[in-house]
PDB file of N, CA and C in Angstrom:
ATOM      1  N   MET A   1      39.660  70.832  11.427  1.00  0.00           N
ATOM      2  CA  MET A   1      39.589  70.225  10.117  1.00  0.00           C
ATOM      3  C   MET A   1      40.315  71.098   9.092  1.00  0.00           C
ATOM      4  N   GLN A   2      40.117  72.420   9.172  1.00  0.00           N
ATOM      5  CA  GLN A   2      40.798  73.324   8.249  1.00  0.00           C
ATOM      6  C   GLN A   2      42.321  73.239   8.408  1.00  0.00           C
ATOM      7  N   ARG A   3      42.758  73.137   9.638  1.00  0.00           N
ATOM      8  CA  ARG A   3      44.195  73.008   9.903  1.00  0.00           C
ATOM      9  C   ARG A   3      44.732  71.712   9.300  1.00  0.00           C
ATOM     10  N   LEU A   4      43.984  70.640   9.422  1.00  0.00           N
ATOM     11  CA  LEU A   4      44.385  69.351   8.858  1.00  0.00           C
ATOM     12  C   LEU A   4      44.481  69.448   7.332  1.00  0.00           C
ATOM     13  N   PHE A   5      43.512  70.088   6.706  1.00  0.00           N
ATOM     14  CA  PHE A   5      43.546  70.252   5.251  1.00  0.00           C
ATOM     15  C   PHE A   5      44.722  71.124   4.818  1.00  0.00           C
ATOM     16  N   ARG A   6      45.007  72.178   5.557  1.00  0.00           N
ATOM     17  CA  ARG A   6      46.078  73.098   5.209  1.00  0.00           C
ATOM     18  C   ARG A   6      47.456  72.463   5.349  1.00  0.00           C
ATOM     19  N   GLN A   7      47.652  71.664   6.366  1.00  0.00           N
ATOM     20  CA  GLN A   7      48.987  71.148   6.680  1.00  0.00           C
ATOM     21  C   GLN A   7      49.265  69.774   6.064  1.00  0.00           C
ATOM     22  N   THR A   8      48.305  69.145   5.478  1.00  0.00           N
ATOM     23  CA  THR A   8      48.525  67.832   4.864  1.00  0.00           C
ATOM     24  C   THR A   8      48.045  67.877   3.410  1.00  0.00           C
ATOM     25  N   THR A   9      48.210  66.765   2.722  1.00  0.00           N
ATOM     26  CA  THR A   9      47.775  66.689   1.320  1.00  0.00           C
ATOM     27  C   THR A   9      46.400  66.028   1.190  1.00  0.00           C
ATOM     28  N   LEU A  10      45.623  66.079   2.258  1.00  0.00           N
ATOM     29  CA  LEU A  10      44.279  65.510   2.173  1.00  0.00           C
ATOM     30  C   LEU A  10      43.402  66.299   1.219  1.00  0.00           C
ATOM     31  N   GLN A  11      43.671  67.578   1.113  1.00  0.00           N
ATOM     32  CA  GLN A  11      42.917  68.411   0.185  1.00  0.00           C
ATOM     33  C   GLN A  11      43.901  69.271  -0.577  1.00  0.00           C
ATOM     34  N   ASP A  12      43.848  69.159  -1.886  1.00  0.00           N
ATOM     35  CA  ASP A  12      44.708  69.959  -2.740  1.00  0.00           C
ATOM     36  C   ASP A  12      43.855  70.634  -3.788  1.00  0.00           C
ATOM     37  N   SER A  13      44.292  71.759  -4.245  1.00  0.00           N
ATOM     38  CA  SER A  13      43.587  72.411  -5.338  1.00  0.00           C
ATOM     39  C   SER A  13      44.617  72.800  -6.384  1.00  0.00           C
ATOM     40  N   MET A  14      44.190  72.723  -7.627  1.00  0.00           N
ATOM     41  CA  MET A  14      45.061  73.118  -8.722  1.00  0.00           C
ATOM     42  C   MET A  14      44.194  73.679  -9.829  1.00  0.00           C
ATOM     43  N   SER A  15      44.739  74.601 -10.554  1.00  0.00           N
ATOM     44  CA  SER A  15      43.972  75.192 -11.636  1.00  0.00           C
ATOM     45  C   SER A  15      44.286  74.455 -12.937  1.00  0.00           C
ATOM     46  N   CYS A  16      43.281  74.299 -13.755  1.00  0.00           N
ATOM     47  CA  CYS A  16      43.430  73.632 -15.040  1.00  0.00           C
ATOM     48  C   CYS A  16      42.855  74.541 -16.112  1.00  0.00           C
ATOM     49  N   ASN A  17      43.498  74.543 -17.246  1.00  0.00           N
ATOM     50  CA  ASN A  17      43.046  75.347 -18.366  1.00  0.00           C
ATOM     51  C   ASN A  17      42.853  74.400 -19.539  1.00  0.00           C
ATOM     52  N   PHE A  18      41.613  74.045 -19.825  1.00  0.00           N
ATOM     53  CA  PHE A  18      41.314  73.114 -20.905  1.00  0.00           C
ATOM     54  C   PHE A  18      40.963  73.907 -22.159  1.00  0.00           C
ATOM     55  N   ASN A  19      41.871  73.935 -23.102  1.00  0.00           N
ATOM     56  CA  ASN A  19      41.617  74.558 -24.400  1.00  0.00           C
ATOM     57  C   ASN A  19      41.174  73.446 -25.340  1.00  0.00           C
ATOM     58  N   VAL A  20      39.946  73.526 -25.817  1.00  0.00           N
ATOM     59  CA  VAL A  20      39.344  72.437 -26.581  1.00  0.00           C
ATOM     60  C   VAL A  20      38.772  72.990 -27.882  1.00  0.00           C
ATOM     61  N   LEU A  21      38.872  72.197 -28.958  1.00  0.00           N
ATOM     62  CA  LEU A  21      38.222  72.557 -30.216  1.00  0.00           C
ATOM     63  C   LEU A  21      36.837  71.936 -30.246  1.00  0.00           C
ATOM     64  N   ILE A  22      35.817  72.759 -30.305  1.00  0.00           N
ATOM     65  CA  ILE A  22      34.434  72.310 -30.428  1.00  0.00           C
ATOM     66  C   ILE A  22      33.915  72.850 -31.748  1.00  0.00           C
ATOM     67  N   SER A  23      33.589  71.953 -32.667  1.00  0.00           N
ATOM     68  CA  SER A  23      33.117  72.320 -34.009  1.00  0.00           C
ATOM     69  C   SER A  23      34.106  73.270 -34.700  1.00  0.00           C
ATOM     70  N   GLY A  24      35.395  73.030 -34.496  1.00  0.00           N
ATOM     71  CA  GLY A  24      36.418  73.838 -35.141  1.00  0.00           C
ATOM     72  C   GLY A  24      36.713  75.162 -34.472  1.00  0.00           C
ATOM     73  N   MET A  25      36.021  75.459 -33.383  1.00  0.00           N
ATOM     74  CA  MET A  25      36.232  76.731 -32.674  1.00  0.00           C
ATOM     75  C   MET A  25      36.923  76.432 -31.334  1.00  0.00           C
ATOM     76  N   PRO A  26      38.007  77.135 -31.031  1.00  0.00           N
ATOM     77  CA  PRO A  26      38.675  76.914 -29.732  1.00  0.00           C
ATOM     78  C   PRO A  26      37.858  77.506 -28.591  1.00  0.00           C
ATOM     79  N   ARG A  27      37.755  76.734 -27.528  1.00  0.00           N
ATOM     80  CA  ARG A  27      37.025  77.197 -26.340  1.00  0.00           C
ATOM     81  C   ARG A  27      37.797  76.799 -25.098  1.00  0.00           C
ATOM     82  N   VAL A  28      37.683  77.594 -24.060  1.00  0.00           N
ATOM     83  CA  VAL A  28      38.257  77.263 -22.756  1.00  0.00           C
ATOM     84  C   VAL A  28      37.117  76.725 -21.906  1.00  0.00           C
ATOM     85  N   MET A  29      37.289  75.534 -21.364  1.00  0.00           N
ATOM     86  CA  MET A  29      36.212  74.881 -20.631  1.00  0.00           C
ATOM     87  C   MET A  29      36.674  74.441 -19.252  1.00  0.00           C
ATOM     88  N   GLY A  30      35.701  74.284 -18.373  1.00  0.00           N
ATOM     89  CA  GLY A  30      35.954  73.709 -17.070  1.00  0.00           C
ATOM     90  C   GLY A  30      35.748  72.202 -17.141  1.00  0.00           C
ATOM     91  N   VAL A  31      35.919  71.545 -16.026  1.00  0.00           N
ATOM     92  CA  VAL A  31      35.811  70.085 -15.990  1.00  0.00           C
ATOM     93  C   VAL A  31      34.390  69.634 -16.332  1.00  0.00           C
ATOM     94  N   ARG A  32      33.388  70.305 -15.788  1.00  0.00           N
ATOM     95  CA  ARG A  32      31.998  69.910 -16.035  1.00  0.00           C
ATOM     96  C   ARG A  32      31.645  70.021 -17.516  1.00  0.00           C
ATOM     97  N   GLU A  33      31.977  71.147 -18.126  1.00  0.00           N
ATOM     98  CA  GLU A  33      31.670  71.327 -19.550  1.00  0.00           C
ATOM     99  C   GLU A  33      32.440  70.331 -20.405  1.00  0.00           C
ATOM    100  N   LEU A  34      33.690  70.069 -20.001  1.00  0.00           N
ATOM    101  CA  LEU A  34      34.509  69.114 -20.744  1.00  0.00           C
ATOM    102  C   LEU A  34      33.892  67.721 -20.700  1.00  0.00           C
ATOM    103  N   LEU A  35      33.423  67.308 -19.533  1.00  0.00           N
ATOM    104  CA  LEU A  35      32.783  65.991 -19.411  1.00  0.00           C
ATOM    105  C   LEU A  35      31.465  65.935 -20.180  1.00  0.00           C
ATOM    106  N   GLN A  36      30.705  67.020 -20.175  1.00  0.00           N
ATOM    107  CA  GLN A  36      29.457  67.054 -20.933  1.00  0.00           C
ATOM    108  C   GLN A  36      29.727  66.933 -22.428  1.00  0.00           C
ATOM    109  N   GLU A  37      30.726  67.628 -22.925  1.00  0.00           N
ATOM    110  CA  GLU A  37      31.075  67.550 -24.347  1.00  0.00           C
ATOM    111  C   GLU A  37      31.564  66.163 -24.713  1.00  0.00           C
ATOM    112  N   TRP A  38      32.363  65.537 -23.828  1.00  0.00           N
ATOM    113  CA  TRP A  38      32.864  64.201 -24.101  1.00  0.00           C
ATOM    114  C   TRP A  38      31.701  63.201 -24.140  1.00  0.00           C
ATOM    115  N   CYS A  39      30.766  63.320 -23.205  1.00  0.00           N
ATOM    116  CA  CYS A  39      29.604  62.415 -23.190  1.00  0.00           C
ATOM    117  C   CYS A  39      28.770  62.587 -24.458  1.00  0.00           C
ATOM    118  N   ALA A  40      28.586  63.827 -24.900  1.00  0.00           N
ATOM    119  CA  ALA A  40      27.830  64.067 -26.128  1.00  0.00           C
ATOM    120  C   ALA A  40      28.562  63.473 -27.323  1.00  0.00           C
ATOM    121  N   TRP A  41      29.885  63.627 -27.384  1.00  0.00           N
ATOM    122  CA  TRP A  41      30.677  63.064 -28.474  1.00  0.00           C
ATOM    123  C   TRP A  41      30.598  61.547 -28.477  1.00  0.00           C
ATOM    124  N   ARG A  42      30.717  60.935 -27.299  1.00  0.00           N
ATOM    125  CA  ARG A  42      30.688  59.476 -27.199  1.00  0.00           C
ATOM    126  C   ARG A  42      29.311  58.941 -27.580  1.00  0.00           C
ATOM    127  N   THR A  43      28.237  59.619 -27.166  1.00  0.00           N
ATOM    128  CA  THR A  43      26.882  59.220 -27.526  1.00  0.00           C
ATOM    129  C   THR A  43      26.706  59.257 -29.035  1.00  0.00           C
ATOM    130  N   GLU A  44      27.220  60.295 -29.671  1.00  0.00           N
ATOM    131  CA  GLU A  44      27.131  60.417 -31.131  1.00  0.00           C
ATOM    132  C   GLU A  44      27.916  59.302 -31.821  1.00  0.00           C
ATOM    133  N   CYS A  45      29.088  58.951 -31.287  1.00  0.00           N
ATOM    134  CA  CYS A  45      29.883  57.854 -31.869  1.00  0.00           C
ATOM    135  C   CYS A  45      29.123  56.536 -31.804  1.00  0.00           C
ATOM    136  N   VAL A  46      28.525  56.246 -30.669  1.00  0.00           N
ATOM    137  CA  VAL A  46      27.776  54.996 -30.511  1.00  0.00           C
ATOM    138  C   VAL A  46      26.551  54.989 -31.418  1.00  0.00           C
ATOM    139  N   ARG A  47      25.865  56.147 -31.521  1.00  0.00           N
ATOM    140  CA  ARG A  47      24.694  56.234 -32.386  1.00  0.00           C
ATOM    141  C   ARG A  47      25.072  55.978 -33.846  1.00  0.00           C
ATOM    142  N   ARG A  48      26.173  56.584 -34.297  1.00  0.00           N
ATOM    143  CA  ARG A  48      26.600  56.378 -35.681  1.00  0.00           C
ATOM    144  C   ARG A  48      26.997  54.930 -35.941  1.00  0.00           C
ATOM    145  N   ARG A  49      27.660  54.288 -34.975  1.00  0.00           N
ATOM    146  CA  ARG A  49      28.069  52.892 -35.143  1.00  0.00           C
ATOM    147  C   ARG A  49      26.847  51.988 -35.244  1.00  0.00           C
ATOM    148  N   VAL A  50      25.866  52.192 -34.379  1.00  0.00           N
ATOM    149  CA  VAL A  50      24.652  51.379 -34.407  1.00  0.00           C
ATOM    150  C   VAL A  50      23.891  51.598 -35.712  1.00  0.00           C
ATOM    151  N   TYR A  51      23.816  52.842 -36.168  1.00  0.00           N
ATOM    152  CA  TYR A  51      23.142  53.168 -37.424  1.00  0.00           C
ATOM    153  C   TYR A  51      23.825  52.476 -38.596  1.00  0.00           C
ATOM    154  N   TYR A  52      25.165  52.467 -38.610  1.00  0.00           N
ATOM    155  CA  TYR A  52      25.928  51.820 -39.672  1.00  0.00           C
ATOM    156  C   TYR A  52      25.685  50.313 -39.672  1.00  0.00           C
ATOM    157  N   ILE A  53      25.761  49.701 -38.506  1.00  0.00           N
ATOM    158  CA  ILE A  53      25.547  48.249 -38.402  1.00  0.00           C
ATOM    159  C   ILE A  53      24.123  47.891 -38.816  1.00  0.00           C
ATOM    160  N   MET A  54      23.142  48.690 -38.395  1.00  0.00           N
ATOM    161  CA  MET A  54      21.752  48.434 -38.751  1.00  0.00           C
ATOM    162  C   MET A  54      21.561  48.483 -40.263  1.00  0.00           C
ATOM    163  N   HIS A  55      22.178  49.458 -40.931  1.00  0.00           N
ATOM    164  CA  HIS A  55      22.033  49.556 -42.380  1.00  0.00           C
ATOM    165  C   HIS A  55      22.727  48.405 -43.103  1.00  0.00           C
ATOM    166  N   ARG A  56      23.855  47.952 -42.569  1.00  0.00           N
ATOM    167  CA  ARG A  56      24.505  46.773 -43.161  1.00  0.00           C
ATOM    168  C   ARG A  56      23.598  45.553 -43.056  1.00  0.00           C
ATOM    169  N   LYS A  57      22.955  45.374 -41.900  1.00  0.00           N
ATOM    170  CA  LYS A  57      22.045  44.238 -41.706  1.00  0.00           C
ATOM    171  C   LYS A  57      20.826  44.350 -42.624  1.00  0.00           C
ATOM    172  N   MET A  58      20.309  45.584 -42.791  1.00  0.00           N
ATOM    173  CA  MET A  58      19.152  45.773 -43.665  1.00  0.00           C
ATOM    174  C   MET A  58      19.509  45.469 -45.123  1.00  0.00           C
ATOM    175  N   ASP A  59      20.711  45.850 -45.549  1.00  0.00           N
ATOM    176  CA  ASP A  59      21.155  45.537 -46.908  1.00  0.00           C
ATOM    177  C   ASP A  59      21.290  44.031 -47.099  1.00  0.00           C
ATOM    178  N   LYS A  60      21.839  43.348 -46.118  1.00  0.00           N
ATOM    179  CA  LYS A  60      21.985  41.899 -46.202  1.00  0.00           C
ATOM    180  C   LYS A  60      20.618  41.225 -46.242  1.00  0.00           C
ATOM    181  N   LEU A  61      19.677  41.708 -45.428  1.00  0.00           N
ATOM    182  CA  LEU A  61      18.328  41.156 -45.429  1.00  0.00           C
ATOM    183  C   LEU A  61      17.673  41.343 -46.790  1.00  0.00           C
ATOM    184  N   HIS A  62      17.882  42.497 -47.419  1.00  0.00           N
ATOM    185  CA  HIS A  62      17.328  42.762 -48.750  1.00  0.00           C
ATOM    186  C   HIS A  62      17.880  41.754 -49.763  1.00  0.00           C
ATOM    187  N   LEU A  63      19.186  41.501 -49.696  1.00  0.00           N
ATOM    188  CA  LEU A  63      19.785  40.520 -50.611  1.00  0.00           C
ATOM    189  C   LEU A  63      19.259  39.113 -50.348  1.00  0.00           C
ATOM    190  N   LEU A  64      19.114  38.755 -49.084  1.00  0.00           N
ATOM    191  CA  LEU A  64      18.615  37.419 -48.757  1.00  0.00           C
ATOM    192  C   LEU A  64      17.159  37.236 -49.185  1.00  0.00           C
ATOM    193  N   LYS A  65      16.346  38.272 -49.066  1.00  0.00           N
ATOM    194  CA  LYS A  65      14.955  38.175 -49.536  1.00  0.00           C
ATOM    195  C   LYS A  65      14.908  37.993 -51.043  1.00  0.00           C
ATOM    196  N   GLY A  66      15.794  38.704 -51.776  1.00  0.00           N
ATOM    197  CA  GLY A  66      15.859  38.534 -53.222  1.00  0.00           C
ATOM    198  C   GLY A  66      16.312  37.141 -53.583  1.00  0.00           C
ATOM    199  N   LEU A  67      17.288  36.603 -52.882  1.00  0.00           N
ATOM    200  CA  LEU A  67      17.765  35.239 -53.122  1.00  0.00           C
ATOM    201  C   LEU A  67      16.672  34.227 -52.837  1.00  0.00           C
ATOM    202  N   LYS A  68      15.886  34.460 -51.804  1.00  0.00           N
ATOM    203  CA  LYS A  68      14.773  33.563 -51.470  1.00  0.00           C
ATOM    204  C   LYS A  68      13.763  33.535 -52.615  1.00  0.00           C
ATOM    205  N   LYS A  69      13.453  34.713 -53.168  1.00  0.00           N
ATOM    206  CA  LYS A  69      12.490  34.777 -54.284  1.00  0.00           C
ATOM    207  C   LYS A  69      13.035  34.050 -55.501  1.00  0.00           C
ATOM    208  N   ILE A  70      14.329  34.195 -55.755  1.00  0.00           N
ATOM    209  CA  ILE A  70      14.931  33.541 -56.922  1.00  0.00           C
ATOM    210  C   ILE A  70      14.953  32.025 -56.754  1.00  0.00           C
ATOM    211  N   LEU A  71      15.409  31.555 -55.605  1.00  0.00           N
ATOM    212  CA  LEU A  71      15.606  30.125 -55.404  1.00  0.00           C
ATOM    213  C   LEU A  71      14.318  29.370 -55.090  1.00  0.00           C
ATOM    214  N   LEU A  72      13.411  29.995 -54.340  1.00  0.00           N
ATOM    215  CA  LEU A  72      12.207  29.293 -53.929  1.00  0.00           C
ATOM    216  C   LEU A  72      10.992  29.668 -54.763  1.00  0.00           C
ATOM    217  N   GLY A  73      11.107  30.724 -55.562  1.00  0.00           N
ATOM    218  CA  GLY A  73      10.003  31.117 -56.433  1.00  0.00           C
ATOM    219  C   GLY A  73       8.850  31.787 -55.711  1.00  0.00           C
ATOM    220  N   TYR A  74       9.094  32.365 -54.570  1.00  0.00           N
ATOM    221  CA  TYR A  74       8.000  33.056 -53.852  1.00  0.00           C
ATOM    222  C   TYR A  74       7.903  34.468 -54.304  1.00  0.00           C
TER     223      TYR A  74
END
């Protein structure tokens, strides 16, 4: 098996140097850390989007409740 890996391209290795800015500070990361940081960033993006949409809906609901009181007298 080792001979097969050595003589063919079934197994290849290459070095990667990921220089990444995290909170404005440059860091060198491996693949695992890079994926963890990306997942944390993506989770934060989705959380902020949901929070923004929720607040827009709450503002609209507030306006509609006020309109209901004005038009229906409740």
